[in-house]
Amino acid sequence: MQFGERVRELRKQRGLTQQKLAVLLEVSLSYISKVENERLNAGDYPSEAFVLKLAKALDADEDELLLLTDRVPAAIRRRIRE
């Protein structure tokens, strides 16, 4: 599963609209849409701090979301999955 797909799934499970999530995270609606649709440019990709804030807002596992962003080095990713 890709990061954006998981974010959409978690958002819907929590009964949040993209607009409500954007307000919670203090970002634009278009940014949430871009995240969910994997349409971010390299410079726009979520920072670790944003991913952690997103995980908190969605009551999601921080490590899972970080792994999906590929922001965790491969060696650490393997250890977490074990």
PDB file of N, CA and C in Angstrom:
ATOM      1  N   MET A   1       0.840  -1.183   0.000  1.00  0.00           N
ATOM      2  CA  MET A   1       0.000   0.000   0.000  1.00  0.00           C
ATOM      3  C   MET A   1       0.883   1.244   0.000  1.00  0.00           C
ATOM      4  N   GLN A   2       0.430   2.263  -0.697  1.00  0.00           N
ATOM      5  CA  GLN A   2       1.176   3.506  -0.750  1.00  0.00           C
ATOM      6  C   GLN A   2       0.720   4.454   0.357  1.00  0.00           C
ATOM      7  N   PHE A   3       1.559   5.424   0.650  1.00  0.00           N
ATOM      8  CA  PHE A   3       1.301   6.389   1.713  1.00  0.00           C
ATOM      9  C   PHE A   3      -0.052   7.080   1.533  1.00  0.00           C
ATOM     10  N   GLY A   4      -0.301   7.619   0.360  1.00  0.00           N
ATOM     11  CA  GLY A   4      -1.541   8.349   0.113  1.00  0.00           C
ATOM     12  C   GLY A   4      -2.783   7.493   0.277  1.00  0.00           C
ATOM     13  N   GLU A   5      -2.695   6.259  -0.196  1.00  0.00           N
ATOM     14  CA  GLU A   5      -3.828   5.335  -0.048  1.00  0.00           C
ATOM     15  C   GLU A   5      -4.136   5.090   1.425  1.00  0.00           C
ATOM     16  N   ARG A   6      -3.078   4.903   2.209  1.00  0.00           N
ATOM     17  CA  ARG A   6      -3.261   4.629   3.638  1.00  0.00           C
ATOM     18  C   ARG A   6      -3.843   5.841   4.356  1.00  0.00           C
ATOM     19  N   VAL A   7      -3.368   7.028   3.985  1.00  0.00           N
ATOM     20  CA  VAL A   7      -3.903   8.248   4.594  1.00  0.00           C
ATOM     21  C   VAL A   7      -5.401   8.359   4.298  1.00  0.00           C
ATOM     22  N   ARG A   8      -5.789   8.121   3.041  1.00  0.00           N
ATOM     23  CA  ARG A   8      -7.206   8.192   2.670  1.00  0.00           C
ATOM     24  C   ARG A   8      -8.024   7.176   3.475  1.00  0.00           C
ATOM     25  N   GLU A   9      -7.507   5.955   3.564  1.00  0.00           N
ATOM     26  CA  GLU A   9      -8.200   4.897   4.292  1.00  0.00           C
ATOM     27  C   GLU A   9      -8.397   5.284   5.760  1.00  0.00           C
ATOM     28  N   LEU A  10      -7.345   5.770   6.393  1.00  0.00           N
ATOM     29  CA  LEU A  10      -7.420   6.160   7.800  1.00  0.00           C
ATOM     30  C   LEU A  10      -8.368   7.342   7.996  1.00  0.00           C
ATOM     31  N   ARG A  11      -8.292   8.313   7.081  1.00  0.00           N
ATOM     32  CA  ARG A  11      -9.168   9.484   7.177  1.00  0.00           C
ATOM     33  C   ARG A  11     -10.637   9.072   7.114  1.00  0.00           C
ATOM     34  N   LYS A  12     -10.952   8.199   6.172  1.00  0.00           N
ATOM     35  CA  LYS A  12     -12.330   7.745   6.021  1.00  0.00           C
ATOM     36  C   LYS A  12     -12.780   6.925   7.226  1.00  0.00           C
ATOM     37  N   GLN A  13     -11.897   6.097   7.776  1.00  0.00           N
ATOM     38  CA  GLN A  13     -12.235   5.315   8.966  1.00  0.00           C
ATOM     39  C   GLN A  13     -12.585   6.219  10.144  1.00  0.00           C
ATOM     40  N   ARG A  14     -11.952   7.383  10.192  1.00  0.00           N
ATOM     41  CA  ARG A  14     -12.200   8.327  11.291  1.00  0.00           C
ATOM     42  C   ARG A  14     -13.384   9.245  10.995  1.00  0.00           C
ATOM     43  N   GLY A  15     -13.990   9.090   9.818  1.00  0.00           N
ATOM     44  CA  GLY A  15     -15.153   9.906   9.460  1.00  0.00           C
ATOM     45  C   GLY A  15     -14.808  11.355   9.166  1.00  0.00           C
ATOM     46  N   LEU A  16     -13.591  11.600   8.719  1.00  0.00           N
ATOM     47  CA  LEU A  16     -13.149  12.956   8.415  1.00  0.00           C
ATOM     48  C   LEU A  16     -13.203  13.229   6.914  1.00  0.00           C
ATOM     49  N   THR A  17     -13.576  14.439   6.570  1.00  0.00           N
ATOM     50  CA  THR A  17     -13.463  14.871   5.174  1.00  0.00           C
ATOM     51  C   THR A  17     -12.040  15.379   4.965  1.00  0.00           C
ATOM     52  N   GLN A  18     -11.664  15.542   3.719  1.00  0.00           N
ATOM     53  CA  GLN A  18     -10.352  16.128   3.439  1.00  0.00           C
ATOM     54  C   GLN A  18     -10.278  17.529   4.046  1.00  0.00           C
ATOM     55  N   GLN A  19     -11.370  18.268   3.963  1.00  0.00           N
ATOM     56  CA  GLN A  19     -11.397  19.629   4.506  1.00  0.00           C
ATOM     57  C   GLN A  19     -11.173  19.627   6.015  1.00  0.00           C
ATOM     58  N   LYS A  20     -11.842  18.733   6.730  1.00  0.00           N
ATOM     59  CA  LYS A  20     -11.677  18.669   8.190  1.00  0.00           C
ATOM     60  C   LYS A  20     -10.252  18.280   8.564  1.00  0.00           C
ATOM     61  N   LEU A  21      -9.677  17.338   7.821  1.00  0.00           N
ATOM     62  CA  LEU A  21      -8.299  16.941   8.091  1.00  0.00           C
ATOM     63  C   LEU A  21      -7.350  18.098   7.808  1.00  0.00           C
ATOM     64  N   ALA A  22      -7.580  18.813   6.740  1.00  0.00           N
ATOM     65  CA  ALA A  22      -6.742  19.967   6.405  1.00  0.00           C
ATOM     66  C   ALA A  22      -6.774  21.007   7.525  1.00  0.00           C
ATOM     67  N   VAL A  23      -7.960  21.255   8.067  1.00  0.00           N
ATOM     68  CA  VAL A  23      -8.094  22.218   9.168  1.00  0.00           C
ATOM     69  C   VAL A  23      -7.331  21.722  10.399  1.00  0.00           C
ATOM     70  N   LEU A  24      -7.481  20.440  10.726  1.00  0.00           N
ATOM     71  CA  LEU A  24      -6.771  19.872  11.880  1.00  0.00           C
ATOM     72  C   LEU A  24      -5.262  20.004  11.752  1.00  0.00           C
ATOM     73  N   LEU A  25      -4.771  19.840  10.524  1.00  0.00           N
ATOM     74  CA  LEU A  25      -3.330  19.852  10.284  1.00  0.00           C
ATOM     75  C   LEU A  25      -2.795  21.217   9.887  1.00  0.00           C
ATOM     76  N   GLU A  26      -3.709  22.174   9.732  1.00  0.00           N
ATOM     77  CA  GLU A  26      -3.338  23.540   9.350  1.00  0.00           C
ATOM     78  C   GLU A  26      -2.616  23.583   8.009  1.00  0.00           C
ATOM     79  N   VAL A  27      -3.167  22.845   7.045  1.00  0.00           N
ATOM     80  CA  VAL A  27      -2.673  22.855   5.673  1.00  0.00           C
ATOM     81  C   VAL A  27      -3.864  23.077   4.748  1.00  0.00           C
ATOM     82  N   SER A  28      -3.580  23.247   3.470  1.00  0.00           N
ATOM     83  CA  SER A  28      -4.670  23.469   2.514  1.00  0.00           C
ATOM     84  C   SER A  28      -5.347  22.158   2.133  1.00  0.00           C
ATOM     85  N   LEU A  29      -6.596  22.291   1.723  1.00  0.00           N
ATOM     86  CA  LEU A  29      -7.344  21.151   1.216  1.00  0.00           C
ATOM     87  C   LEU A  29      -6.619  20.540   0.015  1.00  0.00           C
ATOM     88  N   SER A  30      -6.068  21.384  -0.843  1.00  0.00           N
ATOM     89  CA  SER A  30      -5.372  20.863  -2.028  1.00  0.00           C
ATOM     90  C   SER A  30      -4.148  20.033  -1.642  1.00  0.00           C
ATOM     91  N   TYR A  31      -3.488  20.391  -0.525  1.00  0.00           N
ATOM     92  CA  TYR A  31      -2.330  19.611  -0.085  1.00  0.00           C
ATOM     93  C   TYR A  31      -2.774  18.214   0.346  1.00  0.00           C
ATOM     94  N   ILE A  32      -3.859  18.116   1.102  1.00  0.00           N
ATOM     95  CA  ILE A  32      -4.370  16.807   1.525  1.00  0.00           C
ATOM     96  C   ILE A  32      -4.742  15.982   0.296  1.00  0.00           C
ATOM     97  N   SER A  33      -5.379  16.605  -0.663  1.00  0.00           N
ATOM     98  CA  SER A  33      -5.745  15.913  -1.897  1.00  0.00           C
ATOM     99  C   SER A  33      -4.510  15.398  -2.625  1.00  0.00           C
ATOM    100  N   LYS A  34      -3.479  16.234  -2.703  1.00  0.00           N
ATOM    101  CA  LYS A  34      -2.231  15.819  -3.360  1.00  0.00           C
ATOM    102  C   LYS A  34      -1.568  14.658  -2.613  1.00  0.00           C
ATOM    103  N   VAL A  35      -1.598  14.697  -1.288  1.00  0.00           N
ATOM    104  CA  VAL A  35      -1.022  13.607  -0.488  1.00  0.00           C
ATOM    105  C   VAL A  35      -1.757  12.306  -0.808  1.00  0.00           C
ATOM    106  N   GLU A  36      -3.074  12.347  -0.742  1.00  0.00           N
ATOM    107  CA  GLU A  36      -3.868  11.133  -0.947  1.00  0.00           C
ATOM    108  C   GLU A  36      -3.756  10.585  -2.365  1.00  0.00           C
ATOM    109  N   ASN A  37      -3.544  11.450  -3.328  1.00  0.00           N
ATOM    110  CA  ASN A  37      -3.472  11.022  -4.727  1.00  0.00           C
ATOM    111  C   ASN A  37      -2.040  10.863  -5.235  1.00  0.00           C
ATOM    112  N   GLU A  38      -1.065  10.932  -4.303  1.00  0.00           N
ATOM    113  CA  GLU A  38       0.344  10.750  -4.650  1.00  0.00           C
ATOM    114  C   GLU A  38       0.768  11.704  -5.763  1.00  0.00           C
ATOM    115  N   ARG A  39       0.362  12.960  -5.658  1.00  0.00           N
ATOM    116  CA  ARG A  39       0.672  13.955  -6.684  1.00  0.00           C
ATOM    117  C   ARG A  39       1.553  15.090  -6.157  1.00  0.00           C
ATOM    118  N   LEU A  40       2.397  14.774  -5.201  1.00  0.00           N
ATOM    119  CA  LEU A  40       3.281  15.779  -4.635  1.00  0.00           C
ATOM    120  C   LEU A  40       4.598  15.818  -5.384  1.00  0.00           C
ATOM    121  N   ASN A  41       5.123  17.005  -5.545  1.00  0.00           N
ATOM    122  CA  ASN A  41       6.465  17.154  -6.091  1.00  0.00           C
ATOM    123  C   ASN A  41       7.450  16.797  -4.986  1.00  0.00           C
ATOM    124  N   ALA A  42       8.688  16.522  -5.364  1.00  0.00           N
ATOM    125  CA  ALA A  42       9.691  16.100  -4.380  1.00  0.00           C
ATOM    126  C   ALA A  42       9.808  17.091  -3.226  1.00  0.00           C
ATOM    127  N   GLY A  43       9.791  18.369  -3.498  1.00  0.00           N
ATOM    128  CA  GLY A  43       9.924  19.378  -2.456  1.00  0.00           C
ATOM    129  C   GLY A  43       8.699  19.506  -1.573  1.00  0.00           C
ATOM    130  N   ASP A  44       7.563  19.008  -2.048  1.00  0.00           N
ATOM    131  CA  ASP A  44       6.311  19.100  -1.295  1.00  0.00           C
ATOM    132  C   ASP A  44       6.053  17.878  -0.431  1.00  0.00           C
ATOM    133  N   TYR A  45       6.889  16.843  -0.564  1.00  0.00           N
ATOM    134  CA  TYR A  45       6.600  15.594   0.125  1.00  0.00           C
ATOM    135  C   TYR A  45       6.610  15.820   1.631  1.00  0.00           C
ATOM    136  N   PRO A  46       5.721  15.175   2.349  1.00  0.00           N
ATOM    137  CA  PRO A  46       5.585  15.429   3.791  1.00  0.00           C
ATOM    138  C   PRO A  46       6.876  15.237   4.566  1.00  0.00           C
ATOM    139  N   SER A  47       7.134  16.165   5.465  1.00  0.00           N
ATOM    140  CA  SER A  47       8.287  16.049   6.356  1.00  0.00           C
ATOM    141  C   SER A  47       7.970  15.028   7.432  1.00  0.00           C
ATOM    142  N   GLU A  48       8.983  14.622   8.146  1.00  0.00           N
ATOM    143  CA  GLU A  48       8.774  13.684   9.255  1.00  0.00           C
ATOM    144  C   GLU A  48       7.835  14.304  10.290  1.00  0.00           C
ATOM    145  N   ALA A  49       8.021  15.588  10.561  1.00  0.00           N
ATOM    146  CA  ALA A  49       7.163  16.265  11.547  1.00  0.00           C
ATOM    147  C   ALA A  49       5.702  16.252  11.095  1.00  0.00           C
ATOM    148  N   PHE A  50       5.466  16.475   9.805  1.00  0.00           N
ATOM    149  CA  PHE A  50       4.096  16.457   9.300  1.00  0.00           C
ATOM    150  C   PHE A  50       3.508  15.057   9.407  1.00  0.00           C
ATOM    151  N   VAL A  51       4.288  14.049   9.083  1.00  0.00           N
ATOM    152  CA  VAL A  51       3.804  12.668   9.149  1.00  0.00           C
ATOM    153  C   VAL A  51       3.431  12.309  10.583  1.00  0.00           C
ATOM    154  N   LEU A  52       4.227  12.744  11.539  1.00  0.00           N
ATOM    155  CA  LEU A  52       3.920  12.472  12.947  1.00  0.00           C
ATOM    156  C   LEU A  52       2.639  13.198  13.378  1.00  0.00           C
ATOM    157  N   LYS A  53       2.468  14.424  12.921  1.00  0.00           N
ATOM    158  CA  LYS A  53       1.254  15.194  13.213  1.00  0.00           C
ATOM    159  C   LYS A  53       0.035  14.527  12.564  1.00  0.00           C
ATOM    160  N   LEU A  54       0.222  14.044  11.351  1.00  0.00           N
ATOM    161  CA  LEU A  54      -0.839  13.341  10.626  1.00  0.00           C
ATOM    162  C   LEU A  54      -1.232  12.066  11.367  1.00  0.00           C
ATOM    163  N   ALA A  55      -0.236  11.316  11.806  1.00  0.00           N
ATOM    164  CA  ALA A  55      -0.500  10.075  12.551  1.00  0.00           C
ATOM    165  C   ALA A  55      -1.316  10.368  13.813  1.00  0.00           C
ATOM    166  N   LYS A  56      -0.972  11.431  14.502  1.00  0.00           N
ATOM    167  CA  LYS A  56      -1.704  11.795  15.713  1.00  0.00           C
ATOM    168  C   LYS A  56      -3.146  12.169  15.374  1.00  0.00           C
ATOM    169  N   ALA A  57      -3.336  12.962  14.326  1.00  0.00           N
ATOM    170  CA  ALA A  57      -4.679  13.404  13.931  1.00  0.00           C
ATOM    171  C   ALA A  57      -5.558  12.225  13.511  1.00  0.00           C
ATOM    172  N   LEU A  58      -4.933  11.214  12.917  1.00  0.00           N
ATOM    173  CA  LEU A  58      -5.679  10.055  12.424  1.00  0.00           C
ATOM    174  C   LEU A  58      -5.649   8.886  13.400  1.00  0.00           C
ATOM    175  N   ASP A  59      -5.023   9.092  14.561  1.00  0.00           N
ATOM    176  CA  ASP A  59      -4.869   8.025  15.551  1.00  0.00           C
ATOM    177  C   ASP A  59      -4.268   6.791  14.889  1.00  0.00           C
ATOM    178  N   ALA A  60      -3.196   7.030  14.143  1.00  0.00           N
ATOM    179  CA  ALA A  60      -2.542   5.973  13.365  1.00  0.00           C
ATOM    180  C   ALA A  60      -1.159   5.671  13.928  1.00  0.00           C
ATOM    181  N   ASP A  61      -0.600   4.570  13.493  1.00  0.00           N
ATOM    182  CA  ASP A  61       0.735   4.166  13.902  1.00  0.00           C
ATOM    183  C   ASP A  61       1.774   5.037  13.187  1.00  0.00           C
ATOM    184  N   GLU A  62       2.565   5.769  13.956  1.00  0.00           N
ATOM    185  CA  GLU A  62       3.568   6.667  13.384  1.00  0.00           C
ATOM    186  C   GLU A  62       4.579   5.908  12.538  1.00  0.00           C
ATOM    187  N   ASP A  63       5.055   4.781  13.059  1.00  0.00           N
ATOM    188  CA  ASP A  63       6.061   4.000  12.334  1.00  0.00           C
ATOM    189  C   ASP A  63       5.534   3.519  10.992  1.00  0.00           C
ATOM    190  N   GLU A  64       4.289   3.077  10.966  1.00  0.00           N
ATOM    191  CA  GLU A  64       3.709   2.604   9.709  1.00  0.00           C
ATOM    192  C   GLU A  64       3.700   3.711   8.665  1.00  0.00           C
ATOM    193  N   LEU A  65       3.239   4.896   9.053  1.00  0.00           N
ATOM    194  CA  LEU A  65       3.187   5.996   8.089  1.00  0.00           C
ATOM    195  C   LEU A  65       4.581   6.421   7.652  1.00  0.00           C
ATOM    196  N   LEU A  66       5.513   6.465   8.588  1.00  0.00           N
ATOM    197  CA  LEU A  66       6.884   6.820   8.210  1.00  0.00           C
ATOM    198  C   LEU A  66       7.468   5.799   7.238  1.00  0.00           C
ATOM    199  N   LEU A  67       7.199   4.523   7.484  1.00  0.00           N
ATOM    200  CA  LEU A  67       7.692   3.485   6.570  1.00  0.00           C
ATOM    201  C   LEU A  67       7.122   3.670   5.170  1.00  0.00           C
ATOM    202  N   LEU A  68       5.865   4.039   5.084  1.00  0.00           N
ATOM    203  CA  LEU A  68       5.228   4.211   3.785  1.00  0.00           C
ATOM    204  C   LEU A  68       5.764   5.415   3.023  1.00  0.00           C
ATOM    205  N   THR A  69       6.362   6.379   3.720  1.00  0.00           N
ATOM    206  CA  THR A  69       6.923   7.543   3.040  1.00  0.00           C
ATOM    207  C   THR A  69       8.321   7.276   2.513  1.00  0.00           C
ATOM    208  N   ASP A  70       8.907   6.153   2.889  1.00  0.00           N
ATOM    209  CA  ASP A  70      10.291   5.826   2.526  1.00  0.00           C
ATOM    210  C   ASP A  70      11.284   6.815   3.124  1.00  0.00           C
ATOM    211  N   ARG A  71      10.930   7.418   4.228  1.00  0.00           N
ATOM    212  CA  ARG A  71      11.832   8.348   4.902  1.00  0.00           C
ATOM    213  C   ARG A  71      12.685   7.637   5.957  1.00  0.00           C
ATOM    214  N   VAL A  72      12.455   6.368   6.144  1.00  0.00           N
ATOM    215  CA  VAL A  72      13.218   5.587   7.108  1.00  0.00           C
ATOM    216  C   VAL A  72      14.262   4.782   6.339  1.00  0.00           C
ATOM    217  N   PRO A  73      15.524   4.833   6.770  1.00  0.00           N
ATOM    218  CA  PRO A  73      16.561   4.053   6.086  1.00  0.00           C
ATOM    219  C   PRO A  73      16.200   2.567   6.006  1.00  0.00           C
ATOM    220  N   ALA A  74      16.636   1.916   4.936  1.00  0.00           N
ATOM    221  CA  ALA A  74      16.274   0.519   4.662  1.00  0.00           C
ATOM    222  C   ALA A  74      16.603  -0.414   5.827  1.00  0.00           C
ATOM    223  N   ALA A  75      17.751  -0.239   6.447  1.00  0.00           N
ATOM    224  CA  ALA A  75      18.146  -1.121   7.560  1.00  0.00           C
ATOM    225  C   ALA A  75      17.171  -0.992   8.727  1.00  0.00           C
ATOM    226  N   ILE A  76      16.772   0.203   9.032  1.00  0.00           N
ATOM    227  CA  ILE A  76      15.829   0.419  10.131  1.00  0.00           C
ATOM    228  C   ILE A  76      14.454  -0.110   9.749  1.00  0.00           C
ATOM    229  N   ARG A  77      14.076   0.074   8.482  1.00  0.00           N
ATOM    230  CA  ARG A  77      12.787  -0.431   8.002  1.00  0.00           C
ATOM    231  C   ARG A  77      12.703  -1.935   8.196  1.00  0.00           C
ATOM    232  N   ARG A  78      13.771  -2.653   7.874  1.00  0.00           N
ATOM    233  CA  ARG A  78      13.791  -4.110   8.037  1.00  0.00           C
ATOM    234  C   ARG A  78      13.633  -4.491   9.497  1.00  0.00           C
ATOM    235  N   ARG A  79      14.337  -3.799  10.394  1.00  0.00           N
ATOM    236  CA  ARG A  79      14.253  -4.113  11.827  1.00  0.00           C
ATOM    237  C   ARG A  79      12.859  -3.864  12.358  1.00  0.00           C
ATOM    238  N   ILE A  80      12.212  -2.790  11.925  1.00  0.00           N
ATOM    239  CA  ILE A  80      10.856  -2.479  12.403  1.00  0.00           C
ATOM    240  C   ILE A  80       9.883  -3.561  11.945  1.00  0.00           C
ATOM    241  N   ARG A  81      10.025  -4.005  10.708  1.00  0.00           N
ATOM    242  CA  ARG A  81       9.115  -5.020  10.178  1.00  0.00           C
ATOM    243  C   ARG A  81       9.300  -6.369  10.838  1.00  0.00           C
ATOM    244  N   GLU A  82      10.506  -6.624  11.342  1.00  0.00           N
ATOM    245  CA  GLU A  82      10.756  -7.903  12.023  1.00  0.00           C
ATOM    246  C   GLU A  82      10.061  -7.864  13.360  1.00  0.00           C
TER     247      GLU A  82
END
